[in-house]
Protein backbone atom coordinates (compact mmCIF):
# COMPACT_ATOMS: atom_id res chain seq x y z
CA MET A 1 70.81 -35.50 -28.19
CA ASP A 2 73.19 -37.74 -26.23
CA THR A 3 74.59 -40.28 -28.70
CA GLU A 4 77.45 -41.61 -26.56
CA LEU A 5 77.56 -45.39 -26.40
CA ARG A 6 77.36 -46.86 -22.91
CA LEU A 7 77.76 -50.39 -21.62
CA THR A 8 74.51 -52.12 -20.87
CA PRO A 9 73.56 -51.44 -17.24
CA ASN A 10 74.10 -54.48 -15.01
CA LEU A 11 75.75 -56.35 -17.93
CA ASP A 12 78.10 -58.44 -15.77
CA ASN A 13 75.31 -59.61 -13.48
CA ILE A 14 73.09 -60.48 -16.45
CA ILE A 15 75.85 -62.66 -17.84
CA CYS A 16 76.65 -64.14 -14.42
CA ASP A 17 73.06 -65.27 -13.98
CA VAL A 18 73.23 -67.22 -17.25
CA LEU A 19 76.66 -68.70 -16.54
CA ASN A 20 75.38 -69.96 -13.20
CA GLU A 21 72.87 -72.13 -15.01
CA GLU A 22 75.90 -74.40 -15.61
CA PHE A 23 78.82 -72.99 -13.61
CA ASP A 24 79.12 -71.84 -10.02
CA VAL A 25 80.93 -68.52 -10.56
CA LYS A 26 81.32 -65.10 -8.99
CA THR A 27 81.63 -61.77 -10.77
CA TYR A 28 85.04 -60.07 -10.66
CA GLU A 29 84.56 -56.70 -9.01
CA LYS A 30 86.47 -54.82 -11.74
CA GLY A 31 84.21 -56.29 -14.37
CA HIS A 32 83.93 -58.64 -17.34
CA TYR A 33 85.39 -61.74 -15.59
CA TRP A 34 83.65 -64.59 -13.76
CA PHE A 35 85.51 -67.18 -11.72
CA SER A 36 84.87 -70.41 -9.84
CA GLU A 37 86.23 -71.58 -6.51
CA TRP A 38 89.73 -73.06 -6.43
CA ASN A 39 90.09 -76.80 -6.94
CA ASN A 40 93.56 -78.36 -6.76
CA HIS A 41 95.35 -75.03 -7.39
CA CYS A 42 93.12 -74.21 -10.35
CA ARG A 43 89.91 -72.30 -11.06
CA LYS A 44 87.73 -71.83 -14.11
CA VAL A 45 87.53 -68.30 -15.49
CA ILE A 46 85.22 -66.85 -18.12
CA LYS A 47 85.43 -63.37 -19.60
CA ILE A 48 84.11 -61.16 -22.36
CA TYR A 49 86.85 -59.57 -24.41
CA PRO A 50 86.35 -55.85 -25.16
CA LEU A 51 86.97 -55.38 -28.85
CA LYS A 52 86.52 -52.17 -30.78
CA GLY A 53 82.84 -51.93 -31.51
CA THR A 54 79.82 -53.04 -29.55
CA LEU A 55 80.05 -56.85 -29.72
CA TYR A 56 82.35 -58.78 -27.36
CA PRO A 57 83.42 -62.45 -27.78
CA ILE A 58 83.37 -64.78 -24.79
CA TYR A 59 86.62 -66.51 -23.78
CA TRP A 60 87.18 -69.05 -21.03
CA GLY A 61 89.90 -71.16 -19.51
CA TYR A 62 91.95 -71.93 -16.42
CA ASN A 63 93.71 -69.77 -13.86
CA PHE A 64 96.44 -71.51 -11.80
CA ASP A 65 97.51 -70.14 -8.43
CA PHE A 66 101.12 -71.26 -9.00
CA ILE A 67 101.73 -69.63 -12.40
CA PRO A 68 103.24 -66.15 -12.10
CA TRP A 69 103.69 -63.71 -14.97
CA GLU A 70 106.94 -61.84 -15.46
CA ARG A 71 105.98 -58.16 -15.24
CA CYS A 72 108.57 -57.05 -17.80
CA PHE A 73 106.80 -59.15 -20.45
CA VAL A 74 103.30 -57.79 -19.92
CA GLY A 75 101.47 -54.50 -19.72
CA VAL A 76 101.08 -51.49 -21.94
CA ASN A 77 104.64 -50.27 -21.31
CA PRO A 78 106.78 -53.37 -20.73
CA LYS A 79 110.29 -52.93 -19.40
CA PRO A 80 113.25 -53.52 -21.71
CA TRP A 81 114.11 -57.18 -22.12
CA ASN A 82 117.36 -56.67 -20.22
CA GLU A 83 115.47 -55.79 -17.04
CA THR A 84 113.78 -58.51 -15.07
CA GLY A 85 110.44 -57.45 -13.69
CA LYS A 86 108.35 -58.52 -10.76
CA LEU A 87 106.58 -61.87 -10.75
CA VAL A 88 102.85 -61.21 -10.58
CA TYR A 89 100.37 -63.84 -9.39
CA TYR A 90 96.64 -63.91 -10.13
CA ARG A 91 95.08 -65.86 -7.29
CA THR A 92 92.68 -63.69 -5.31
CA GLU A 93 89.20 -62.35 -5.96
CA LYS A 94 90.84 -59.05 -6.89
CA ALA A 95 93.46 -60.55 -9.21
CA VAL A 96 92.01 -62.85 -11.88
CA ASN A 97 93.55 -64.07 -15.11
CA ILE A 98 93.16 -66.79 -17.73
CA ASP A 99 96.46 -68.63 -18.09
CA PHE A 100 95.23 -71.03 -20.76
CA THR A 101 92.37 -69.87 -22.97
CA GLY A 102 89.58 -71.44 -24.98
CA THR A 103 87.46 -69.58 -27.55
CA PRO A 104 84.27 -70.24 -29.50
CA PHE A 105 86.01 -69.82 -32.85
CA PRO A 106 86.93 -73.48 -33.56
CA TYR A 107 83.37 -74.50 -32.69
CA ILE A 108 81.69 -72.09 -35.08
CA GLY A 109 84.18 -72.28 -37.94
CA TYR A 110 85.10 -68.61 -37.62
CA ASP A 111 88.64 -67.59 -38.57
CA PHE A 112 88.76 -64.57 -36.27
CA TYR A 113 92.46 -63.90 -36.86
CA ASN A 114 92.25 -63.93 -40.65
CA PRO A 115 89.68 -61.32 -41.72
CA SER A 116 90.02 -62.19 -45.39
CA ALA A 117 88.88 -65.78 -44.75
CA GLN A 118 85.21 -64.74 -44.66
CA SER A 119 83.09 -62.16 -46.38
CA TYR A 120 81.81 -59.09 -44.55
CA GLU A 121 78.37 -60.68 -44.40
CA GLU A 122 79.81 -63.85 -42.83
CA HIS A 123 81.74 -61.83 -40.23
CA TYR A 124 78.61 -59.88 -39.42
CA ALA A 125 76.54 -63.05 -39.06
CA PHE A 126 79.11 -64.79 -36.81
CA ARG A 127 79.48 -61.80 -34.52
CA ASN A 128 75.79 -61.11 -34.18
CA LYS A 129 75.07 -64.72 -33.31
CA TYR A 130 77.92 -65.49 -30.89
CA PHE A 131 79.35 -62.17 -29.60
CA VAL A 132 77.72 -60.45 -26.63
CA PRO A 133 75.95 -57.18 -27.51
CA ALA A 134 77.58 -55.07 -24.80
CA TYR A 135 76.19 -51.68 -25.77
CA VAL A 136 72.42 -51.92 -25.79
CA THR A 137 69.74 -50.58 -23.50
CA ASP A 138 68.54 -52.72 -20.64
CA SER A 139 65.12 -53.31 -22.13
CA PRO A 140 63.63 -56.78 -21.47
CA GLU A 141 64.17 -57.65 -25.14
CA ASN A 142 67.86 -56.70 -25.05
CA ILE A 143 68.46 -58.49 -21.77
CA GLU A 144 66.97 -61.62 -23.26
CA LEU A 145 69.18 -61.17 -26.36
CA ILE A 146 72.31 -61.03 -24.17
CA LYS A 147 71.22 -64.15 -22.32
CA THR A 148 70.53 -65.98 -25.57
CA VAL A 149 73.99 -65.20 -26.93
CA VAL A 150 75.68 -66.38 -23.73
CA ARG A 151 73.64 -69.59 -23.77
CA ARG A 152 74.80 -70.27 -27.35
CA ASN A 153 78.39 -70.27 -26.09
CA ILE A 154 77.84 -72.46 -23.04
CA PRO A 155 77.87 -75.81 -24.93
CA PHE A 156 81.32 -74.89 -26.27
CA MET A 157 82.57 -74.16 -22.76
CA LEU A 158 81.14 -77.39 -21.39
CA ASP A 159 82.79 -79.44 -24.13
CA TRP A 160 86.11 -77.64 -23.72
CA PHE A 161 86.21 -78.02 -19.94
CA ASP A 162 85.24 -81.68 -20.30
CA ARG A 163 88.06 -82.40 -22.77
CA ILE A 164 90.77 -80.28 -21.17
CA LYS A 165 91.00 -81.00 -17.45
CA THR A 166 94.56 -81.68 -16.37
CA PRO A 167 97.98 -80.02 -16.63
CA GLU A 168 98.95 -82.84 -18.98
CA ASP A 169 96.00 -81.96 -21.26
CA ILE A 170 97.07 -78.32 -21.37
CA ILE A 171 100.72 -79.21 -22.02
CA GLU A 172 99.54 -81.21 -25.02
CA GLU A 173 97.40 -78.32 -26.28
CA GLN A 174 100.18 -75.77 -25.78
CA THR A 175 102.56 -78.02 -27.71
CA LYS A 176 100.12 -77.91 -30.63
CA VAL A 177 100.03 -74.11 -30.41
CA ILE A 178 103.83 -73.93 -30.44
CA ASN A 179 104.13 -76.32 -33.38
CA GLU A 180 101.45 -74.52 -35.39
CA ASP A 181 102.11 -70.88 -34.54
CA GLU A 182 105.84 -70.40 -34.06
CA ASN A 183 107.59 -68.93 -37.09
CA GLU A 184 109.96 -66.10 -37.92
CA HIS A 185 107.19 -63.55 -37.34
CA CYS A 186 105.46 -65.07 -34.33
CA PHE A 187 106.82 -66.40 -31.03
CA PRO A 188 104.09 -67.93 -28.82
CA TYR A 189 105.60 -66.59 -25.61
CA SER A 190 102.64 -67.41 -23.36
CA ALA A 191 102.47 -71.00 -24.66
CA TYR A 192 106.08 -71.67 -23.67
CA TRP A 193 105.64 -69.85 -20.37
CA VAL A 194 102.52 -71.74 -19.30
CA ARG A 195 103.81 -75.06 -20.60
CA GLY A 196 107.00 -74.57 -18.60
CA PHE A 197 105.22 -73.95 -15.31
CA LEU A 198 102.82 -76.82 -15.92
CA LYS A 199 105.74 -79.13 -16.62
CA ALA A 200 107.09 -78.14 -13.20
CA ARG A 201 103.68 -79.04 -11.73
CA CYS A 202 104.03 -82.46 -13.40
CA HIS A 203 107.50 -82.81 -11.84
CA ASP A 204 109.33 -82.48 -15.18
CA ILE A 205 111.70 -79.85 -13.87
CA GLU A 206 114.18 -80.36 -16.71
CA GLY A 207 111.47 -79.71 -19.29
CA ALA A 208 110.20 -76.74 -17.28
CA LEU A 209 113.62 -75.10 -17.14
CA SER A 210 114.09 -75.71 -20.87
CA ASP A 211 110.84 -73.98 -21.81
CA ILE A 212 111.36 -70.98 -19.53
CA ALA A 213 115.02 -70.62 -20.53
CA TYR A 214 113.95 -70.51 -24.17
CA VAL A 215 111.64 -67.57 -23.44
CA TYR A 216 114.48 -65.52 -21.92
CA LYS A 217 116.95 -66.62 -24.59
CA ARG A 218 114.55 -65.45 -27.30
CA PHE A 219 114.56 -61.95 -25.85
CA ASP A 220 118.31 -61.72 -25.24
CA THR A 221 118.10 -61.08 -21.53
CA PRO A 222 121.44 -61.02 -19.69
CA GLU A 223 120.65 -64.18 -17.75
CA GLU A 224 118.95 -67.32 -19.03
CA ILE A 225 116.44 -67.50 -16.17
CA PRO A 226 116.30 -65.06 -13.22
CA GLU A 227 116.84 -66.70 -9.85
CA LYS A 228 113.35 -65.79 -8.64
CA VAL A 229 111.82 -67.69 -11.58
CA ILE A 230 113.98 -70.75 -10.94
CA LYS A 231 112.88 -70.72 -7.29
CA ALA A 232 109.22 -70.52 -8.39
CA LEU A 233 109.66 -73.54 -10.66
CA TYR A 234 111.28 -75.67 -7.95
CA LYS A 235 108.59 -74.63 -5.47
CA ILE A 236 105.90 -75.84 -7.89
CA ASP A 237 107.73 -79.12 -8.37
CA LYS A 238 107.18 -79.80 -4.66
CA LEU A 239 103.41 -79.27 -4.73
């Protein structure tokens, strides 16, 4: 008997159909992402995050066409910190990313990052109600279950996108992340990185350079900010 788990056939299109009840999105050809058209250098992106197991949470957020990512800081095998990598942009239908992310967890009272905060039964209940069942057959009942779970998350997305609309809104949110999360064991690299580039977009080039310089300083690179990154920041400042 074949007991190998397989992703639900046509899963991405099933989810896309539900998302398009509220959002005008396309399916990313490599799977598990959905994205809107660009509007003022920004697009909405929604994704399911593949965890171990068969249930995937839904994340969402914004992708900016002017925010690059330093290749030496990302990937499975990042380069040493003393080597500057290539700047990678996500701004085509074949290159999609979420630069600033929202999750359902604050809406449902689920402390996803602290497993001891809830009992096993509570974890199980949260995940079954709000995480997409990605490994089920494509029976009509299971397709309807997937759609129901996605629809439960849509009000959270609508509220989040309504509250967080501008670079200034995201700068404020990233500042909260930095103030709450940074400690001797955790450095919120992406929060500083995104906040820095968004400050450049808001024409605060001094603040932008400060944030990005702090990222490189934290990792003891030989130069505070590589020239290519400085050029990218000044280019954004002129948008």
